[in-house]
Amino acid sequence: MPSSGQPEPAHVRRPLVDALSFVWAIVPIVSFGFATSLVFAFAAYRMRSRAVAIAAACYLAVPVTLIVTAPIRDFATDDWQNQVALWTWVAGPWFGGTVYALIIRRRVFPLGPTGPQTMRSSSWNPWRDSVPPLRNTPTRPLAGPAGIAVPLSYVWALVPLLTLGFATCLTIGSAAVRLRSRTQGMAAAGYVLLLAVFVVSNEPIRALTITDWRAQAVFWGWSLTSWWGGTFHAFYLRQAVFTRRRIARPISVDSRIGVIGPYQLLSQLGQGGQGTVYLDSPRTARE
């Protein structure tokens, strides 16, 4: 049990691990199912699970079988045999593998106890703003979304992806307000600038062919920043933005000790020939 007045550990993932866990889970759909076996081989290794290893082998067997039998499956496109092969692929390695990866993501990347000091150790870490240091208020910070905030946090993080990056500035802007973070505010301003540049350059780019290097530069620049990059950024901030607010918890105080100046004395730590040491409310030992 944590000592009275001390922050409780927060069961969360490191922000980068949380974001990468979603990247891992969508690899099957992004790769059209061709990398599904690799995804579940990694999951089997992490989970030490024989069942997941068998699933990885099955996901590998499906594409191998379809590729090997391709020369002898000389059927019409609408033939039922080709339709069976198509839906086997869709329900198996492609969409089926994606759904399965999302289901077991929490087991592959489990939540762990992480104290606020640890979460603030990174030079650029959203927890540094969302879990401020304890001051004079005897509170215990709790981190991570809970209840209805869990699905809402996923919807919020998917806004950049679903809007093709056009609402990324609003998503990160809301994170800056929630976290009271100047860093995230600057990032939101950067996304606004990228949106302005994209809108201004859209008309001249439309006159170019899709294979023109300038059109390709605009497409990949937008995709890797506001669109896919913004989605990754939102998932990185998801846990911190939807963290539970700090709540006040009662702290036991020995009424016989009392107050010295601005310090509420909580308990006596020790006594010696030179004096007595007490624990006060700002967590600072004073004589």
Protein backbone atom coordinates (compact mmCIF):
# COMPACT_ATOMS: atom_id res chain seq x y z
CA MET A 1 0.00 0.00 0.00
CA PRO A 2 1.33 3.48 -0.79
CA SER A 3 2.11 5.59 2.23
CA SER A 4 -0.46 8.21 3.22
CA GLY A 5 -0.19 11.36 1.11
CA GLN A 6 2.08 9.80 -1.50
CA PRO A 7 1.05 9.43 -5.18
CA GLU A 8 -0.35 6.05 -6.12
CA PRO A 9 1.20 4.23 -9.09
CA ALA A 10 -0.76 4.77 -12.29
CA HIS A 11 -1.41 1.71 -14.44
CA VAL A 12 -0.66 3.03 -17.89
CA ARG A 13 1.70 2.41 -20.80
CA ARG A 14 4.58 4.64 -21.64
CA PRO A 15 3.23 7.16 -24.21
CA LEU A 16 5.49 5.92 -27.02
CA VAL A 17 4.68 2.26 -26.28
CA ASP A 18 0.95 3.04 -26.26
CA ALA A 19 1.17 4.72 -29.67
CA LEU A 20 3.35 1.96 -31.13
CA SER A 21 0.90 -0.68 -29.86
CA PHE A 22 -1.76 0.75 -32.17
CA VAL A 23 0.68 0.85 -35.08
CA TRP A 24 1.39 -2.83 -34.40
CA ALA A 25 -2.34 -3.67 -34.32
CA ILE A 26 -3.14 -2.08 -37.70
CA VAL A 27 -0.22 -3.69 -39.56
CA PRO A 28 -2.51 -6.50 -40.90
CA ILE A 29 -4.97 -4.10 -42.54
CA VAL A 30 -2.25 -1.76 -43.83
CA SER A 31 -0.27 -4.66 -45.32
CA PHE A 32 -3.44 -6.22 -46.84
CA GLY A 33 -2.87 -9.24 -44.61
CA PHE A 34 0.56 -10.16 -45.95
CA ALA A 35 2.35 -9.25 -42.68
CA THR A 36 -0.28 -10.72 -40.33
CA SER A 37 1.79 -13.81 -39.58
CA LEU A 38 4.71 -11.61 -38.47
CA VAL A 39 2.42 -9.58 -36.20
CA PHE A 40 1.19 -12.69 -34.41
CA ALA A 41 4.61 -14.29 -34.28
CA PHE A 42 5.71 -11.24 -32.29
CA ALA A 43 2.59 -11.53 -30.12
CA ALA A 44 3.28 -15.21 -29.45
CA TYR A 45 6.84 -14.37 -28.40
CA ARG A 46 5.70 -11.56 -26.09
CA MET A 47 2.86 -13.56 -24.55
CA ARG A 48 4.69 -16.90 -24.52
CA SER A 49 1.46 -18.31 -25.95
CA ARG A 50 1.26 -21.57 -27.91
CA ALA A 51 -2.27 -20.72 -29.11
CA VAL A 52 -1.14 -17.42 -30.63
CA ALA A 53 1.84 -19.19 -32.23
CA ILE A 54 -0.58 -21.64 -33.88
CA ALA A 55 -2.65 -18.67 -35.08
CA ALA A 56 0.49 -17.11 -36.58
CA ALA A 57 1.23 -20.37 -38.40
CA CYS A 58 -2.32 -20.46 -39.77
CA TYR A 59 -2.07 -16.86 -40.95
CA LEU A 60 1.12 -17.84 -42.78
CA ALA A 61 -0.46 -20.98 -44.28
CA VAL A 62 -3.36 -19.06 -45.87
CA PRO A 63 -1.30 -16.79 -48.19
CA VAL A 64 1.15 -19.60 -48.97
CA THR A 65 -1.73 -21.88 -50.01
CA LEU A 66 -3.39 -19.20 -52.12
CA ILE A 67 -0.12 -18.33 -53.87
CA VAL A 68 0.81 -21.96 -54.55
CA THR A 69 -2.64 -22.79 -55.93
CA ALA A 70 -2.93 -19.63 -58.04
CA PRO A 71 -1.82 -21.31 -61.33
CA ILE A 72 -4.46 -24.04 -61.03
CA ARG A 73 -7.28 -21.70 -59.94
CA ASP A 74 -7.97 -20.54 -63.50
CA PHE A 75 -11.59 -19.64 -62.84
CA ALA A 76 -13.75 -16.71 -63.84
CA THR A 77 -13.63 -13.74 -61.49
CA ASP A 78 -17.20 -14.28 -60.33
CA ASP A 79 -16.76 -18.04 -59.93
CA TRP A 80 -17.69 -19.29 -56.47
CA GLN A 81 -14.27 -20.84 -55.98
CA ASN A 82 -12.52 -17.50 -56.46
CA GLN A 83 -15.09 -15.88 -54.20
CA VAL A 84 -14.31 -18.43 -51.50
CA ALA A 85 -10.58 -17.66 -51.85
CA LEU A 86 -11.25 -13.92 -51.67
CA TRP A 87 -13.43 -14.09 -48.54
CA THR A 88 -11.02 -16.51 -46.89
CA TRP A 89 -8.35 -13.88 -47.30
CA VAL A 90 -10.57 -11.02 -46.10
CA ALA A 91 -11.92 -12.89 -43.05
CA GLY A 92 -8.54 -14.44 -42.28
CA PRO A 93 -5.25 -12.53 -42.55
CA TRP A 94 -6.66 -9.16 -43.65
CA PHE A 95 -9.63 -7.86 -41.62
CA GLY A 96 -9.83 -10.88 -39.34
CA GLY A 97 -6.17 -10.50 -38.40
CA THR A 98 -6.67 -6.80 -37.69
CA VAL A 99 -9.61 -7.44 -35.36
CA TYR A 100 -7.71 -10.19 -33.56
CA ALA A 101 -4.66 -7.94 -33.14
CA LEU A 102 -6.81 -5.17 -31.63
CA ILE A 103 -8.37 -7.71 -29.23
CA ILE A 104 -5.07 -9.02 -27.87
CA ARG A 105 -3.21 -5.69 -27.98
CA ARG A 106 -3.68 -5.12 -24.25
CA ARG A 107 -2.12 -8.51 -23.51
CA VAL A 108 0.81 -8.00 -25.87
CA PHE A 109 1.45 -4.51 -24.48
CA PRO A 110 0.14 -4.79 -20.90
CA LEU A 111 -0.49 -1.87 -18.62
CA GLY A 112 2.04 -1.46 -15.85
CA PRO A 113 2.42 0.54 -12.64
CA THR A 114 4.19 3.79 -13.45
CA GLY A 115 4.76 6.45 -10.84
CA PRO A 116 4.31 10.14 -11.71
CA GLN A 117 8.02 10.84 -11.21
CA THR A 118 8.88 8.12 -13.73
CA MET A 119 6.31 9.44 -16.18
CA ARG A 120 7.85 12.90 -15.97
CA SER A 121 11.38 11.66 -16.63
CA SER A 122 11.22 12.11 -20.41
CA SER A 123 12.29 15.45 -21.87
CA TRP A 124 9.08 15.55 -23.95
CA ASN A 125 6.42 13.68 -22.05
CA PRO A 126 2.70 14.56 -21.78
CA TRP A 127 2.54 13.11 -18.26
CA ARG A 128 4.81 15.91 -17.10
CA ASP A 129 1.91 18.31 -17.59
CA SER A 130 -1.04 16.06 -16.79
CA VAL A 131 0.32 14.79 -13.46
CA PRO A 132 1.78 17.85 -11.75
CA PRO A 133 3.94 17.55 -8.65
CA LEU A 134 2.12 17.48 -5.34
CA ARG A 135 2.24 20.76 -3.49
CA ASN A 136 0.34 21.76 -0.38
CA THR A 137 -2.82 19.86 -1.29
CA PRO A 138 -2.87 16.28 0.03
CA THR A 139 -3.99 14.53 -3.16
CA ARG A 140 -3.19 11.32 -4.97
CA PRO A 141 -2.93 11.58 -8.78
CA LEU A 142 -4.52 8.83 -10.86
CA ALA A 143 -3.48 8.44 -14.49
CA GLY A 144 -5.08 6.92 -17.56
CA PRO A 145 -8.66 7.03 -18.86
CA ALA A 146 -11.42 5.12 -17.09
CA GLY A 147 -15.04 4.23 -17.81
CA ILE A 148 -16.62 6.01 -20.78
CA ALA A 149 -13.38 7.98 -21.24
CA VAL A 150 -11.67 4.86 -22.63
CA PRO A 151 -13.71 4.58 -25.90
CA LEU A 152 -13.90 8.37 -26.15
CA SER A 153 -10.10 8.56 -26.00
CA TYR A 154 -9.84 6.18 -28.97
CA VAL A 155 -12.39 8.18 -30.99
CA TRP A 156 -10.53 11.39 -30.17
CA ALA A 157 -7.18 9.92 -31.24
CA LEU A 158 -8.64 8.66 -34.53
CA VAL A 159 -9.96 12.09 -35.57
CA PRO A 160 -6.78 13.01 -37.54
CA LEU A 161 -6.92 9.70 -39.44
CA LEU A 162 -10.66 9.86 -40.18
CA THR A 163 -10.51 13.50 -41.31
CA LEU A 164 -7.47 12.87 -43.55
CA GLY A 165 -5.46 15.20 -41.32
CA PHE A 166 -7.66 18.28 -41.73
CA ALA A 167 -8.78 18.27 -38.07
CA THR A 168 -5.37 17.42 -36.59
CA CYS A 169 -4.82 21.00 -35.44
CA LEU A 170 -8.11 20.90 -33.51
CA THR A 171 -7.23 17.56 -31.90
CA ILE A 172 -3.78 18.63 -30.75
CA GLY A 173 -5.12 22.07 -29.82
CA SER A 174 -7.62 20.45 -27.45
CA ALA A 175 -4.74 18.41 -25.98
CA ALA A 176 -2.77 21.62 -25.40
CA VAL A 177 -5.71 23.13 -23.52
CA ARG A 178 -6.36 19.98 -21.51
CA LEU A 179 -2.70 19.53 -20.55
CA ARG A 180 -2.00 23.26 -20.29
CA SER A 181 1.08 22.55 -22.36
CA ARG A 182 2.94 25.19 -24.34
CA THR A 183 4.73 22.45 -26.29
CA GLN A 184 1.46 20.98 -27.54
CA GLY A 185 0.17 24.47 -28.30
CA MET A 186 3.17 25.07 -30.56
CA ALA A 187 2.57 21.69 -32.21
CA ALA A 188 -1.07 22.63 -32.87
CA ALA A 189 0.08 25.92 -34.41
CA GLY A 190 2.45 23.93 -36.63
CA TYR A 191 -0.44 21.78 -37.85
CA VAL A 192 -2.43 24.96 -38.65
CA LEU A 193 0.52 26.22 -40.69
CA LEU A 194 0.75 22.91 -42.58
CA LEU A 195 -2.99 23.09 -43.32
CA ALA A 196 -2.63 26.62 -44.69
CA VAL A 197 0.28 25.60 -46.92
CA PHE A 198 -1.64 22.57 -48.19
CA VAL A 199 -4.75 24.62 -49.03
CA VAL A 200 -2.73 27.32 -50.82
CA SER A 201 -0.72 24.78 -52.85
CA ASN A 202 -3.73 22.60 -53.70
CA GLU A 203 -4.82 24.51 -56.82
CA PRO A 204 -1.43 24.49 -58.60
CA ILE A 205 -0.83 20.86 -57.61
CA ARG A 206 -4.14 19.75 -59.15
CA ALA A 207 -2.83 20.85 -62.55
CA LEU A 208 0.04 18.35 -62.28
CA THR A 209 -0.07 14.64 -63.04
CA ILE A 210 -0.19 12.31 -60.06
CA THR A 211 3.26 10.94 -60.91
CA ASP A 212 4.89 14.40 -60.92
CA TRP A 213 7.49 14.66 -58.16
CA ARG A 214 5.93 17.88 -56.83
CA ALA A 215 2.52 16.23 -56.45
CA GLN A 216 4.17 13.26 -54.77
CA ALA A 217 6.10 15.55 -52.43
CA VAL A 218 2.89 17.31 -51.35
CA PHE A 219 1.04 14.01 -50.86
CA TRP A 220 3.74 12.34 -48.79
CA GLY A 221 4.49 15.54 -46.88
CA TRP A 222 0.83 15.84 -45.86
CA SER A 223 0.49 12.11 -45.11
CA LEU A 224 3.57 11.91 -42.90
CA THR A 225 2.75 15.09 -40.96
CA SER A 226 -0.89 16.07 -40.44
CA TRP A 227 -2.51 12.80 -41.53
CA TRP A 228 -0.60 9.73 -40.29
CA GLY A 229 1.84 11.72 -38.19
CA GLY A 230 -1.01 13.58 -36.51
CA THR A 231 -2.74 10.30 -35.75
CA PHE A 232 0.40 8.91 -34.13
CA HIS A 233 0.79 12.16 -32.19
CA ALA A 234 -2.79 11.91 -30.92
CA PHE A 235 -2.32 8.32 -29.78
CA TYR A 236 0.88 9.38 -28.04
CA LEU A 237 -1.09 11.94 -26.02
CA ARG A 238 -4.26 9.85 -25.58
CA GLN A 239 -3.66 8.54 -22.05
CA ALA A 240 -2.49 11.90 -20.71
CA VAL A 241 -5.34 13.90 -22.28
CA PHE A 242 -7.97 11.57 -20.84
CA THR A 243 -6.26 10.97 -17.52
CA ARG A 244 -8.39 11.02 -14.40
CA ARG A 245 -8.07 14.29 -12.55
CA ARG A 246 -6.30 14.39 -9.24
CA ILE A 247 -8.71 13.71 -6.40
CA ALA A 248 -8.39 14.66 -2.78
CA ARG A 249 -7.92 11.78 -0.36
CA PRO A 250 -8.12 12.13 3.41
CA ILE A 251 -4.75 11.97 5.15
CA SER A 252 -4.52 10.86 8.73
CA VAL A 253 -3.10 13.58 10.94
CA ASP A 254 -2.23 13.20 14.58
CA SER A 255 -4.13 16.11 16.15
CA ARG A 256 -1.72 16.14 19.08
CA ILE A 257 1.16 17.25 16.83
CA GLY A 258 -0.46 20.40 15.36
CA VAL A 259 1.02 23.06 13.06
CA ILE A 260 4.37 24.84 12.92
CA GLY A 261 4.20 27.98 10.78
CA PRO A 262 2.82 27.11 7.31
CA TYR A 263 3.44 23.38 7.83
CA GLN A 264 0.80 20.86 8.91
CA LEU A 265 2.64 18.15 10.80
CA LEU A 266 1.42 14.68 9.86
CA SER A 267 3.43 12.32 12.02
CA GLN A 268 6.55 12.03 14.08
CA LEU A 269 9.42 10.33 12.21
CA GLY A 270 11.99 10.16 14.92
CA GLN A 271 13.47 11.74 18.03
CA GLY A 272 17.02 12.17 19.23
CA GLY A 273 19.25 14.21 21.45
CA GLN A 274 19.31 17.17 19.04
CA GLY A 275 15.57 17.37 18.40
CA THR A 276 12.51 15.73 16.83
CA VAL A 277 11.81 15.14 13.10
CA TYR A 278 8.24 15.36 11.71
CA LEU A 279 6.59 14.67 8.32
CA ASP A 280 4.64 17.71 7.08
CA SER A 281 1.99 18.07 4.34
CA PRO A 282 4.31 19.31 1.52
CA ARG A 283 6.21 16.02 1.99
CA THR A 284 9.25 17.85 3.40
CA ALA A 285 10.82 16.71 6.65
CA ARG A 286 11.23 19.57 9.10
CA GLU A 287 12.46 19.69 12.67
